Amino acid sequence: MRYQPRHAKPSQLSRKLAGIGVGIGVAASLFAQPVLAEAQQQPAMSSEGGLGALLEQTQSQLSSIGSSTPDARERAWQTRNSLRAQADGLAVINKDLPAQAKASIDATVERFYPGLIAEKTPKPAPKPAARPAPPARPAPPAQPAFDYGPCPKDAKVCVDTGGRRSWLQNNGQMYYKADLIGPGRPGLDTPKGTFYVNRKVKDEISWEFGNAPMPYATYFTNNGIAFHQGDPSILSHGCVRMYRADAQRYFQDLAIGDKVFVF
């Protein structure tokens, strides 16, 4: 009989881990052996057999650890991690076996030591609270409808002397608005009513007022009233003064016979 000192007796946990390692190592080595020549073939071990042997070892080792004390739970956790690491060796048999083995190991651990895996597994950091959506921007205020006043739809030009505004239109729809107009001053008011374009002179001058320039003159009365370039901030002697760009546009768009309505 061989003598073994009491102090050299291996611990229960060491025996368990050694047994587990031997079991898994044997299973992996058996399945990893190459197939011999036909005359020397050995019966092949199935994947199910290798996995079953590992799970049998798992149950045996966990059941021998003992009651669910803090120390026992810690040893069970270490055993579980060791078994899962060794289960990777089953990939030489079947690439799906490690995942199956690890799932079964964890199920067995949960049966013997409920809540152990959840207790030991680090919990993911909570996701930051979602920022509240910014308040919707208020819709821009609706643009007021264009004020056509009494200008008829068939007029090509409309002139609002009181509002110091004028525009060109097609079929009653305004398509160009002059920036500002300078109509006749009180006592020399621009005549109101319906008129028609009768003459256009690009480089006109006013002989009545000392040959004052009246570029882009578009006449619409028979007594010298016209749209023409001039400072619109100054009221006129009856004509409709406009900035240069507006006078050019009127001169370009208006044709002889186009209807002009002044109100």
Protein backbone atom coordinates (compact mmCIF):
# COMPACT_ATOMS: atom_id res chain seq x y z
CA MET A 1 0.00 0.00 0.00
CA ARG A 2 1.29 3.45 -0.96
CA TYR A 3 1.53 5.98 1.83
CA GLN A 4 0.26 9.49 1.23
CA PRO A 5 0.65 12.19 3.86
CA ARG A 6 -2.50 13.91 5.01
CA HIS A 7 -1.11 17.32 4.10
CA ALA A 8 -0.62 16.22 0.49
CA LYS A 9 -4.29 15.26 0.00
CA PRO A 10 -5.68 17.17 -3.01
CA SER A 11 -8.61 19.47 -2.39
CA GLN A 12 -12.10 18.53 -3.50
CA LEU A 13 -12.12 21.43 -6.05
CA SER A 14 -8.79 20.30 -7.54
CA ARG A 15 -10.14 16.78 -7.99
CA LYS A 16 -13.25 18.19 -9.68
CA LEU A 17 -11.39 20.40 -12.09
CA ALA A 18 -8.91 17.62 -12.87
CA GLY A 19 -11.77 15.24 -13.60
CA ILE A 20 -13.43 17.78 -15.88
CA GLY A 21 -10.20 18.46 -17.74
CA VAL A 22 -9.52 14.77 -18.22
CA GLY A 23 -13.07 14.14 -19.44
CA ILE A 24 -13.03 16.93 -21.99
CA GLY A 25 -9.44 16.22 -23.03
CA VAL A 26 -10.21 12.56 -23.62
CA ALA A 27 -13.32 13.39 -25.64
CA ALA A 28 -11.50 15.96 -27.75
CA SER A 29 -8.49 13.70 -28.34
CA LEU A 30 -10.70 10.81 -29.37
CA PHE A 31 -12.55 12.90 -31.92
CA ALA A 32 -9.39 14.57 -33.16
CA GLN A 33 -7.70 11.28 -34.16
CA PRO A 34 -7.32 10.87 -37.94
CA VAL A 35 -9.08 8.01 -39.60
CA LEU A 36 -6.73 5.03 -39.87
CA ALA A 37 -6.42 2.74 -42.83
CA GLU A 38 -9.49 0.65 -43.49
CA ALA A 39 -7.90 -2.37 -41.86
CA GLN A 40 -7.22 -0.42 -38.65
CA GLN A 41 -10.42 1.72 -38.47
CA GLN A 42 -11.82 2.34 -35.01
CA PRO A 43 -15.53 3.01 -34.43
CA ALA A 44 -16.10 6.79 -34.68
CA MET A 45 -17.53 8.56 -31.67
CA SER A 46 -20.55 10.73 -32.47
CA SER A 47 -20.81 14.44 -31.73
CA GLU A 48 -23.73 13.68 -29.45
CA GLY A 49 -21.58 11.23 -27.50
CA GLY A 50 -18.77 13.74 -26.99
CA LEU A 51 -21.19 16.44 -25.90
CA GLY A 52 -23.01 14.04 -23.61
CA ALA A 53 -19.79 13.02 -21.90
CA LEU A 54 -18.92 16.64 -21.27
CA LEU A 55 -22.34 17.42 -19.82
CA GLU A 56 -22.16 14.36 -17.61
CA GLN A 57 -18.86 15.61 -16.23
CA THR A 58 -20.38 19.06 -15.71
CA GLN A 59 -23.30 17.74 -13.69
CA SER A 60 -21.06 15.46 -11.65
CA GLN A 61 -18.62 18.22 -10.77
CA LEU A 62 -21.26 20.78 -9.88
CA SER A 63 -23.26 18.37 -7.75
CA SER A 64 -20.18 17.52 -5.72
CA ILE A 65 -19.35 21.12 -4.83
CA GLY A 66 -21.99 21.27 -2.16
CA SER A 67 -24.52 23.69 -0.80
CA SER A 68 -25.09 27.15 -2.24
CA THR A 69 -22.82 29.01 0.16
CA PRO A 70 -20.83 32.03 -1.03
CA ASP A 71 -17.68 29.91 -1.20
CA ALA A 72 -19.46 27.13 -3.09
CA ARG A 73 -20.96 29.59 -5.54
CA GLU A 74 -17.53 31.08 -6.22
CA ARG A 75 -16.06 27.64 -6.87
CA ALA A 76 -19.00 26.79 -9.11
CA TRP A 77 -18.38 29.97 -11.08
CA GLN A 78 -14.71 29.09 -11.55
CA THR A 79 -15.67 25.57 -12.59
CA ARG A 80 -18.17 26.93 -15.10
CA ASN A 81 -15.56 29.24 -16.66
CA SER A 82 -12.99 26.44 -16.86
CA LEU A 83 -15.47 24.10 -18.52
CA ARG A 84 -16.51 26.74 -21.05
CA ALA A 85 -12.87 27.39 -21.94
CA GLN A 86 -12.24 23.68 -22.47
CA ALA A 87 -15.43 23.32 -24.51
CA ASP A 88 -13.74 25.29 -27.28
CA GLY A 89 -11.69 22.14 -27.96
CA LEU A 90 -14.83 20.40 -29.23
CA ALA A 91 -14.61 22.47 -32.40
CA VAL A 92 -12.26 19.83 -33.84
CA ILE A 93 -15.25 17.47 -33.85
CA ASN A 94 -17.95 19.85 -34.97
CA LYS A 95 -17.79 23.63 -35.21
CA ASP A 96 -21.23 23.91 -33.60
CA LEU A 97 -20.36 21.85 -30.52
CA PRO A 98 -18.64 24.59 -28.45
CA ALA A 99 -21.73 26.80 -28.51
CA GLN A 100 -24.02 23.87 -27.67
CA ALA A 101 -21.73 22.77 -24.87
CA LYS A 102 -21.49 26.24 -23.35
CA ALA A 103 -25.27 26.67 -23.42
CA SER A 104 -25.74 23.31 -21.71
CA ILE A 105 -23.03 24.07 -19.14
CA ASP A 106 -24.75 27.33 -18.25
CA ALA A 107 -28.14 25.61 -18.01
CA THR A 108 -26.66 23.08 -15.60
CA VAL A 109 -24.99 25.79 -13.51
CA GLU A 110 -28.30 27.66 -13.35
CA ARG A 111 -30.06 24.53 -12.14
CA PHE A 112 -27.58 23.95 -9.31
CA TYR A 113 -26.88 27.60 -8.48
CA PRO A 114 -29.81 29.76 -9.60
CA GLY A 115 -28.91 33.32 -10.51
CA LEU A 116 -25.14 32.74 -10.36
CA ILE A 117 -24.45 33.62 -13.99
CA ALA A 118 -26.54 36.78 -13.89
CA GLU A 119 -24.88 37.72 -10.60
CA LYS A 120 -21.37 37.34 -12.01
CA THR A 121 -21.95 38.69 -15.51
CA PRO A 122 -21.24 42.44 -15.79
CA LYS A 123 -24.37 44.33 -16.63
CA PRO A 124 -24.24 46.69 -19.62
CA ALA A 125 -24.19 50.36 -18.79
CA PRO A 126 -27.65 51.86 -19.05
CA LYS A 127 -28.31 53.70 -22.25
CA PRO A 128 -28.45 57.46 -21.86
CA ALA A 129 -31.94 58.80 -21.77
CA ALA A 130 -33.14 59.92 -25.14
CA ARG A 131 -33.13 63.64 -25.56
CA PRO A 132 -36.57 65.08 -26.02
CA ALA A 133 -37.28 66.09 -29.56
CA PRO A 134 -36.93 69.81 -30.10
CA PRO A 135 -40.25 71.58 -30.39
CA ALA A 136 -41.49 71.89 -33.91
CA ARG A 137 -40.82 75.20 -35.50
CA PRO A 138 -43.97 77.21 -35.94
CA ALA A 139 -45.14 77.40 -39.49
CA PRO A 140 -44.28 80.70 -41.14
CA PRO A 141 -47.22 83.04 -41.24
CA ALA A 142 -49.17 82.82 -44.43
CA GLN A 143 -48.35 85.56 -46.87
CA PRO A 144 -51.30 87.88 -47.32
CA ALA A 145 -52.95 87.67 -50.68
CA PHE A 146 -51.81 90.30 -53.13
CA ASP A 147 -54.10 93.33 -53.10
CA TYR A 148 -55.20 94.02 -56.66
CA GLY A 149 -57.59 96.76 -55.62
CA PRO A 150 -60.12 97.62 -58.34
CA CYS A 151 -57.69 96.95 -61.20
CA PRO A 152 -59.45 94.84 -63.86
CA LYS A 153 -57.96 91.52 -64.93
CA ASP A 154 -57.61 92.58 -68.55
CA ALA A 155 -55.33 95.52 -67.68
CA LYS A 156 -51.64 95.05 -68.46
CA VAL A 157 -50.54 97.77 -66.01
CA CYS A 158 -52.10 98.75 -62.69
CA VAL A 159 -51.19 102.00 -60.88
CA ASP A 160 -52.22 102.61 -57.24
CA THR A 161 -51.40 106.29 -56.73
CA GLY A 162 -52.45 106.34 -53.08
CA GLY A 163 -50.35 103.26 -52.25
CA ARG A 164 -47.37 104.47 -54.37
CA ARG A 165 -47.28 101.08 -56.12
CA SER A 166 -47.63 99.69 -59.63
CA TRP A 167 -47.35 96.25 -61.23
CA LEU A 168 -47.53 94.35 -64.51
CA GLN A 169 -49.97 91.47 -64.87
CA ASN A 170 -51.11 88.77 -67.27
CA ASN A 171 -54.74 87.65 -67.19
CA GLY A 172 -55.19 89.22 -63.79
CA GLN A 173 -52.06 87.65 -62.23
CA MET A 174 -49.32 90.01 -61.09
CA TYR A 175 -45.91 88.93 -62.41
CA TYR A 176 -43.76 92.04 -61.85
CA LYS A 177 -44.07 94.71 -59.15
CA ALA A 178 -42.26 98.04 -59.28
CA ASP A 179 -40.32 98.91 -56.14
CA LEU A 180 -41.77 102.41 -55.59
CA ILE A 181 -43.45 104.97 -57.79
CA GLY A 182 -43.63 108.74 -57.67
CA PRO A 183 -47.05 109.79 -59.06
CA GLY A 184 -48.24 113.37 -59.57
CA ARG A 185 -48.22 115.72 -56.60
CA PRO A 186 -51.46 117.25 -55.28
CA GLY A 187 -52.86 119.63 -57.87
CA LEU A 188 -50.88 117.86 -60.60
CA ASP A 189 -52.27 114.40 -59.94
CA THR A 190 -51.74 111.52 -62.29
CA PRO A 191 -55.08 111.12 -64.05
CA LYS A 192 -57.17 108.16 -62.91
CA GLY A 193 -59.08 105.80 -65.15
CA THR A 194 -58.45 103.52 -68.10
CA PHE A 195 -55.80 104.40 -70.68
CA TYR A 196 -53.75 102.68 -73.38
CA VAL A 197 -50.06 102.78 -74.22
CA ASN A 198 -49.68 105.02 -77.29
CA ARG A 199 -45.97 105.89 -77.58
CA LYS A 200 -42.51 104.78 -76.37
CA VAL A 201 -39.32 106.87 -76.44
CA LYS A 202 -36.16 105.39 -74.94
CA ASP A 203 -34.06 108.59 -74.62
CA GLU A 204 -36.85 111.09 -74.06
CA ILE A 205 -36.38 114.64 -72.73
CA SER A 206 -38.97 117.08 -71.39
CA TRP A 207 -38.91 120.33 -73.38
CA GLU A 208 -41.57 121.66 -70.99
CA PHE A 209 -39.19 121.38 -68.02
CA GLY A 210 -35.92 122.56 -69.51
CA ASN A 211 -35.06 119.44 -71.44
CA ALA A 212 -35.07 117.32 -68.27
CA PRO A 213 -34.17 113.70 -69.10
CA MET A 214 -37.03 111.17 -69.12
CA PRO A 215 -35.32 107.86 -70.08
CA TYR A 216 -37.50 104.88 -71.02
CA ALA A 217 -40.65 106.95 -71.41
CA THR A 218 -43.80 104.89 -72.03
CA TYR A 219 -46.72 107.25 -72.71
CA PHE A 220 -50.31 106.27 -71.92
CA THR A 221 -52.20 109.59 -72.35
CA ASN A 222 -52.37 112.09 -75.17
CA ASN A 223 -51.15 114.97 -73.01
CA GLY A 224 -47.68 113.76 -72.06
CA ILE A 225 -48.26 111.46 -69.04
CA ALA A 226 -45.80 108.56 -69.06
CA PHE A 227 -43.92 105.99 -67.01
CA HIS A 228 -40.25 106.99 -67.04
CA GLN A 229 -37.01 106.82 -65.08
CA GLY A 230 -36.76 109.34 -62.25
CA ASP A 231 -36.45 109.60 -58.48
CA PRO A 232 -39.67 107.94 -57.21
CA SER A 233 -39.30 109.52 -53.77
CA ILE A 234 -40.19 112.88 -55.36
CA LEU A 235 -43.74 113.43 -56.57
CA SER A 236 -44.00 114.47 -60.20
CA HIS A 237 -45.95 116.88 -62.37
CA GLY A 238 -48.28 114.03 -63.37
CA CYS A 239 -46.02 111.32 -64.78
CA VAL A 240 -45.17 108.11 -62.92
CA ARG A 241 -41.53 108.21 -61.84
CA MET A 242 -39.69 104.90 -61.36
CA TYR A 243 -36.28 103.51 -60.54
CA ARG A 244 -34.23 102.76 -63.65
CA ALA A 245 -34.72 98.94 -63.53
CA ASP A 246 -38.50 99.32 -63.21
CA ALA A 247 -38.71 101.89 -66.03
CA GLN A 248 -36.64 99.58 -68.25
CA ARG A 249 -38.92 96.61 -67.50
CA TYR A 250 -42.08 98.60 -68.27
CA PHE A 251 -40.51 99.93 -71.48
CA GLN A 252 -39.55 96.37 -72.48
CA ASP A 253 -42.83 94.59 -71.61
CA LEU A 254 -45.43 97.14 -72.67
CA ALA A 255 -46.63 97.32 -76.25
CA ILE A 256 -48.68 99.96 -78.05
CA GLY A 257 -52.33 99.41 -77.17
CA ASP A 258 -51.76 97.71 -73.79
CA LYS A 259 -54.35 98.68 -71.19
CA VAL A 260 -53.31 100.90 -68.25
CA PHE A 261 -55.57 101.31 -65.22
CA VAL A 262 -54.87 104.10 -62.70
CA PHE A 263 -56.76 104.32 -59.39
